[in-house]
Amino acid sequence: MRNCEVFVKTGISFADYHEALTHIGERMVQEGVVETTYPLALLNREAEFPTGIQLEHHAVAIPHCEATHARSPAIYLIRPDTAVEFFQADDDGTIPASLIIALIVTHPAEQLKLLRQLFSQLQDSAFCESLLTVPEEQLSTLFKKHIFISSPEKQSAACT
């Protein structure tokens, strides 16, 4: 993994996806990994291209926006107390996302590699279940191990 910070938040609730995205935008600005333009860009991107994805047993949301709003690469993993309704990426309906994985990338080509690796790993129900159940302090390590470390292909899926 190259230069990609992973932030984690559990034990939080959101009224809806808009509130979740607002939280992500504000937190990432506070952390200094995004420009002040990021929160609005994230909301606008989600409105135009929803990021909710229904997996075999769970649903996730993978909000992201253009690399021009990023200062440094990061991932923000959020495991809300109750699922958050996001509009589906490939449908008009909504899905209850029990995991939110916000991607902040500085190079667009890397975003595509990261998304491919992420989708590949999310097909593994055991990995998904682990993301939803491990203690908060283990979540970042588990995510990094599966997405960035296990093989040469995964190492290239960094968010630089």
C-alpha atoms as a PDB file:
ATOM      1  CA  MET A   1       0.000   0.000   0.000  1.00  0.00           C
ATOM      2  CA  ARG A   2       1.304   3.407  -0.904  1.00  0.00           C
ATOM      3  CA  ASN A   3       0.375   6.545   1.028  1.00  0.00           C
ATOM      4  CA  CYS A   4      -3.233   5.669   1.767  1.00  0.00           C
ATOM      5  CA  GLU A   5      -4.577   6.517   5.186  1.00  0.00           C
ATOM      6  CA  VAL A   6      -7.556   4.504   6.411  1.00  0.00           C
ATOM      7  CA  PHE A   7      -9.993   6.167   8.805  1.00  0.00           C
ATOM      8  CA  VAL A   8     -12.619   4.163  10.689  1.00  0.00           C
ATOM      9  CA  LYS A   9     -15.855   5.102  12.438  1.00  0.00           C
ATOM     10  CA  THR A  10     -18.348   2.797  14.134  1.00  0.00           C
ATOM     11  CA  GLY A  11     -21.092   3.505  16.643  1.00  0.00           C
ATOM     12  CA  ILE A  12     -22.679   6.291  14.620  1.00  0.00           C
ATOM     13  CA  SER A  13     -26.146   6.764  13.145  1.00  0.00           C
ATOM     14  CA  PHE A  14     -27.363   8.797  10.191  1.00  0.00           C
ATOM     15  CA  ALA A  15     -30.898   9.847   9.317  1.00  0.00           C
ATOM     16  CA  ASP A  16     -30.183   9.305   5.603  1.00  0.00           C
ATOM     17  CA  TYR A  17     -27.438   9.114   2.997  1.00  0.00           C
ATOM     18  CA  HIS A  18     -27.232  12.913   2.757  1.00  0.00           C
ATOM     19  CA  GLU A  19     -26.350  13.128   6.448  1.00  0.00           C
ATOM     20  CA  ALA A  20     -23.789  10.331   6.051  1.00  0.00           C
ATOM     21  CA  LEU A  21     -22.134  12.077   3.090  1.00  0.00           C
ATOM     22  CA  THR A  22     -22.130  15.393   4.948  1.00  0.00           C
ATOM     23  CA  HIS A  23     -20.374  13.679   7.851  1.00  0.00           C
ATOM     24  CA  ILE A  24     -17.801  12.154   5.488  1.00  0.00           C
ATOM     25  CA  GLY A  25     -17.130  15.507   3.838  1.00  0.00           C
ATOM     26  CA  GLU A  26     -16.715  17.347   7.130  1.00  0.00           C
ATOM     27  CA  ARG A  27     -14.520  14.657   8.680  1.00  0.00           C
ATOM     28  CA  MET A  28     -12.222  14.405   5.668  1.00  0.00           C
ATOM     29  CA  VAL A  29     -11.820  18.211   5.581  1.00  0.00           C
ATOM     30  CA  GLN A  30     -10.952  18.119   9.309  1.00  0.00           C
ATOM     31  CA  GLU A  31      -8.398  15.380   8.651  1.00  0.00           C
ATOM     32  CA  GLY A  32      -6.827  17.514   5.927  1.00  0.00           C
ATOM     33  CA  VAL A  33      -7.019  14.868   3.202  1.00  0.00           C
ATOM     34  CA  VAL A  34      -9.442  16.787   0.961  1.00  0.00           C
ATOM     35  CA  GLU A  35     -10.004  20.299  -0.327  1.00  0.00           C
ATOM     36  CA  THR A  36     -12.869  22.399   1.034  1.00  0.00           C
ATOM     37  CA  THR A  37     -14.629  21.693  -2.287  1.00  0.00           C
ATOM     38  CA  TYR A  38     -14.864  17.989  -1.453  1.00  0.00           C
ATOM     39  CA  PRO A  39     -18.070  17.901   0.652  1.00  0.00           C
ATOM     40  CA  LEU A  40     -20.210  19.518  -2.043  1.00  0.00           C
ATOM     41  CA  ALA A  41     -18.518  17.532  -4.812  1.00  0.00           C
ATOM     42  CA  LEU A  42     -19.240  14.297  -2.914  1.00  0.00           C
ATOM     43  CA  LEU A  43     -22.937  15.186  -2.535  1.00  0.00           C
ATOM     44  CA  ASN A  44     -23.214  16.227  -6.188  1.00  0.00           C
ATOM     45  CA  ARG A  45     -21.488  13.059  -7.423  1.00  0.00           C
ATOM     46  CA  GLU A  46     -23.791  10.853  -5.354  1.00  0.00           C
ATOM     47  CA  ALA A  47     -26.867  12.683  -6.668  1.00  0.00           C
ATOM     48  CA  GLU A  48     -25.786  12.077 -10.254  1.00  0.00           C
ATOM     49  CA  PHE A  49     -24.180   8.646  -9.884  1.00  0.00           C
ATOM     50  CA  PRO A  50     -25.463   6.727  -6.835  1.00  0.00           C
ATOM     51  CA  THR A  51     -23.030   4.352  -5.150  1.00  0.00           C
ATOM     52  CA  GLY A  52     -25.196   1.823  -3.311  1.00  0.00           C
ATOM     53  CA  ILE A  53     -24.342  -1.768  -4.209  1.00  0.00           C
ATOM     54  CA  GLN A  54     -26.309  -4.854  -3.247  1.00  0.00           C
ATOM     55  CA  LEU A  55     -24.027  -7.788  -2.504  1.00  0.00           C
ATOM     56  CA  GLU A  56     -25.065 -11.371  -1.874  1.00  0.00           C
ATOM     57  CA  HIS A  57     -25.825 -10.922   1.841  1.00  0.00           C
ATOM     58  CA  HIS A  58     -25.227  -7.237   2.531  1.00  0.00           C
ATOM     59  CA  ALA A  59     -25.318  -3.836   0.882  1.00  0.00           C
ATOM     60  CA  VAL A  60     -22.522  -1.288   0.796  1.00  0.00           C
ATOM     61  CA  ALA A  61     -22.104   2.255  -0.452  1.00  0.00           C
ATOM     62  CA  ILE A  62     -18.838   3.418  -1.981  1.00  0.00           C
ATOM     63  CA  PRO A  63     -19.102   7.201  -2.257  1.00  0.00           C
ATOM     64  CA  HIS A  64     -16.335   9.027  -4.096  1.00  0.00           C
ATOM     65  CA  CYS A  65     -15.776  12.018  -6.342  1.00  0.00           C
ATOM     66  CA  GLU A  66     -13.171  13.448  -8.686  1.00  0.00           C
ATOM     67  CA  ALA A  67      -9.510  13.362  -7.681  1.00  0.00           C
ATOM     68  CA  THR A  68      -9.243  17.163  -8.027  1.00  0.00           C
ATOM     69  CA  HIS A  69     -10.915  17.475  -4.613  1.00  0.00           C
ATOM     70  CA  ALA A  70      -8.338  15.256  -2.857  1.00  0.00           C
ATOM     71  CA  ARG A  71      -5.144  16.389  -1.154  1.00  0.00           C
ATOM     72  CA  SER A  72      -3.908  12.934  -0.201  1.00  0.00           C
ATOM     73  CA  PRO A  73      -5.281   9.419  -0.690  1.00  0.00           C
ATOM     74  CA  ALA A  74      -7.497   7.996   2.019  1.00  0.00           C
ATOM     75  CA  ILE A  75     -10.320   5.605   2.715  1.00  0.00           C
ATOM     76  CA  TYR A  76     -12.994   6.225   5.320  1.00  0.00           C
ATOM     77  CA  LEU A  77     -14.719   3.061   6.543  1.00  0.00           C
ATOM     78  CA  ILE A  78     -17.990   3.661   8.362  1.00  0.00           C
ATOM     79  CA  ARG A  79     -19.999   0.942  10.023  1.00  0.00           C
ATOM     80  CA  PRO A  80     -23.202   2.699  11.101  1.00  0.00           C
ATOM     81  CA  ASP A  81     -25.342   1.375  13.957  1.00  0.00           C
ATOM     82  CA  THR A  82     -28.282   1.067  11.563  1.00  0.00           C
ATOM     83  CA  ALA A  83     -28.131   0.635   7.807  1.00  0.00           C
ATOM     84  CA  VAL A  84     -28.339   3.809   5.712  1.00  0.00           C
ATOM     85  CA  GLU A  85     -30.534   3.888   2.616  1.00  0.00           C
ATOM     86  CA  PHE A  86     -28.488   4.736  -0.489  1.00  0.00           C
ATOM     87  CA  PHE A  87     -29.732   4.810  -4.057  1.00  0.00           C
ATOM     88  CA  GLN A  88     -28.453   1.854  -6.042  1.00  0.00           C
ATOM     89  CA  ALA A  89     -25.698   2.320  -8.590  1.00  0.00           C
ATOM     90  CA  ASP A  90     -27.425   0.088 -11.131  1.00  0.00           C
ATOM     91  CA  ASP A  91     -31.121   0.567 -10.357  1.00  0.00           C
ATOM     92  CA  ASP A  92     -33.680   3.186  -9.395  1.00  0.00           C
ATOM     93  CA  GLY A  93     -34.341   1.707  -5.958  1.00  0.00           C
ATOM     94  CA  THR A  94     -32.557   2.069  -2.664  1.00  0.00           C
ATOM     95  CA  ILE A  95     -30.586  -0.407  -0.580  1.00  0.00           C
ATOM     96  CA  PRO A  96     -29.799  -0.438   3.159  1.00  0.00           C
ATOM     97  CA  ALA A  97     -25.994  -0.007   3.304  1.00  0.00           C
ATOM     98  CA  SER A  98     -24.547  -1.573   6.418  1.00  0.00           C
ATOM     99  CA  LEU A  99     -21.044  -0.454   5.413  1.00  0.00           C
ATOM    100  CA  ILE A 100     -19.912   2.805   3.814  1.00  0.00           C
ATOM    101  CA  ILE A 101     -16.497   2.891   2.152  1.00  0.00           C
ATOM    102  CA  ALA A 102     -15.608   6.426   1.081  1.00  0.00           C
ATOM    103  CA  LEU A 103     -12.713   6.575  -1.379  1.00  0.00           C
ATOM    104  CA  ILE A 104     -10.437   9.599  -1.660  1.00  0.00           C
ATOM    105  CA  VAL A 105      -7.936   9.212  -4.490  1.00  0.00           C
ATOM    106  CA  THR A 106      -5.445  11.599  -6.012  1.00  0.00           C
ATOM    107  CA  HIS A 107      -5.028   9.849  -9.389  1.00  0.00           C
ATOM    108  CA  PRO A 108      -8.106   8.805 -11.407  1.00  0.00           C
ATOM    109  CA  ALA A 109      -6.442   5.689 -12.849  1.00  0.00           C
ATOM    110  CA  GLU A 110      -5.744   4.431  -9.335  1.00  0.00           C
ATOM    111  CA  GLN A 111      -9.415   4.874  -8.438  1.00  0.00           C
ATOM    112  CA  LEU A 112     -10.411   2.363 -11.089  1.00  0.00           C
ATOM    113  CA  LYS A 113      -7.819  -0.173  -9.847  1.00  0.00           C
ATOM    114  CA  LEU A 114      -8.976   0.325  -6.277  1.00  0.00           C
ATOM    115  CA  LEU A 115     -12.646  -0.074  -7.210  1.00  0.00           C
ATOM    116  CA  ARG A 116     -11.900  -3.296  -9.104  1.00  0.00           C
ATOM    117  CA  GLN A 117      -9.992  -4.753  -6.175  1.00  0.00           C
ATOM    118  CA  LEU A 118     -12.656  -3.637  -3.736  1.00  0.00           C
ATOM    119  CA  PHE A 119     -15.491  -5.160  -5.795  1.00  0.00           C
ATOM    120  CA  SER A 120     -13.530  -8.365  -6.138  1.00  0.00           C
ATOM    121  CA  GLN A 121     -12.981  -8.676  -2.389  1.00  0.00           C
ATOM    122  CA  LEU A 122     -16.544  -7.652  -1.515  1.00  0.00           C
ATOM    123  CA  GLN A 123     -17.786 -10.701  -3.444  1.00  0.00           C
ATOM    124  CA  ASP A 124     -16.272 -12.790  -0.647  1.00  0.00           C
ATOM    125  CA  SER A 125     -19.085 -13.061   1.925  1.00  0.00           C
ATOM    126  CA  ALA A 126     -16.651 -14.024   4.687  1.00  0.00           C
ATOM    127  CA  PHE A 127     -14.650 -10.832   4.111  1.00  0.00           C
ATOM    128  CA  CYS A 128     -17.851  -8.743   4.136  1.00  0.00           C
ATOM    129  CA  GLU A 129     -19.035 -10.423   7.306  1.00  0.00           C
ATOM    130  CA  SER A 130     -15.665  -9.748   8.927  1.00  0.00           C
ATOM    131  CA  LEU A 131     -15.837  -6.056   7.984  1.00  0.00           C
ATOM    132  CA  LEU A 132     -19.211  -5.886   9.703  1.00  0.00           C
ATOM    133  CA  THR A 133     -18.243  -7.744  12.872  1.00  0.00           C
ATOM    134  CA  VAL A 134     -14.599  -7.189  13.835  1.00  0.00           C
ATOM    135  CA  PRO A 135     -13.912  -4.726  16.637  1.00  0.00           C
ATOM    136  CA  GLU A 136     -13.367  -1.141  15.450  1.00  0.00           C
ATOM    137  CA  GLU A 137      -9.655  -1.216  16.263  1.00  0.00           C
ATOM    138  CA  GLN A 138      -9.169  -4.191  13.870  1.00  0.00           C
ATOM    139  CA  LEU A 139     -11.217  -2.849  10.966  1.00  0.00           C
ATOM    140  CA  SER A 140      -8.453  -0.822   9.305  1.00  0.00           C
ATOM    141  CA  THR A 141      -5.935  -3.679   9.482  1.00  0.00           C
ATOM    142  CA  LEU A 142      -8.433  -6.191   8.095  1.00  0.00           C
ATOM    143  CA  PHE A 143      -9.341  -3.870   5.227  1.00  0.00           C
ATOM    144  CA  LYS A 144      -5.714  -3.126   4.335  1.00  0.00           C
ATOM    145  CA  LYS A 145      -4.781  -6.811   4.477  1.00  0.00           C
ATOM    146  CA  HIS A 146      -7.469  -7.805   1.995  1.00  0.00           C
ATOM    147  CA  ILE A 147      -7.357  -4.825  -0.316  1.00  0.00           C
ATOM    148  CA  PHE A 148      -3.691  -3.827  -0.376  1.00  0.00           C
ATOM    149  CA  ILE A 149      -1.346  -6.457   1.033  1.00  0.00           C
ATOM    150  CA  SER A 150      -2.171 -10.050   0.108  1.00  0.00           C
ATOM    151  CA  SER A 151      -0.840 -10.204  -3.458  1.00  0.00           C
ATOM    152  CA  PRO A 152       1.114  -8.148  -6.006  1.00  0.00           C
ATOM    153  CA  GLU A 153      -2.149  -7.277  -7.772  1.00  0.00           C
ATOM    154  CA  LYS A 154      -3.591  -5.969  -4.530  1.00  0.00           C
ATOM    155  CA  GLN A 155      -0.472  -3.949  -3.813  1.00  0.00           C
ATOM    156  CA  SER A 156      -0.999  -2.106  -7.079  1.00  0.00           C
ATOM    157  CA  ALA A 157      -4.521  -1.232  -5.965  1.00  0.00           C
ATOM    158  CA  ALA A 158      -3.347   1.649  -3.810  1.00  0.00           C
ATOM    159  CA  CYS A 159      -5.159   4.927  -3.770  1.00  0.00           C
ATOM    160  CA  THR A 160      -2.262   7.198  -4.681  1.00  0.00           C
END
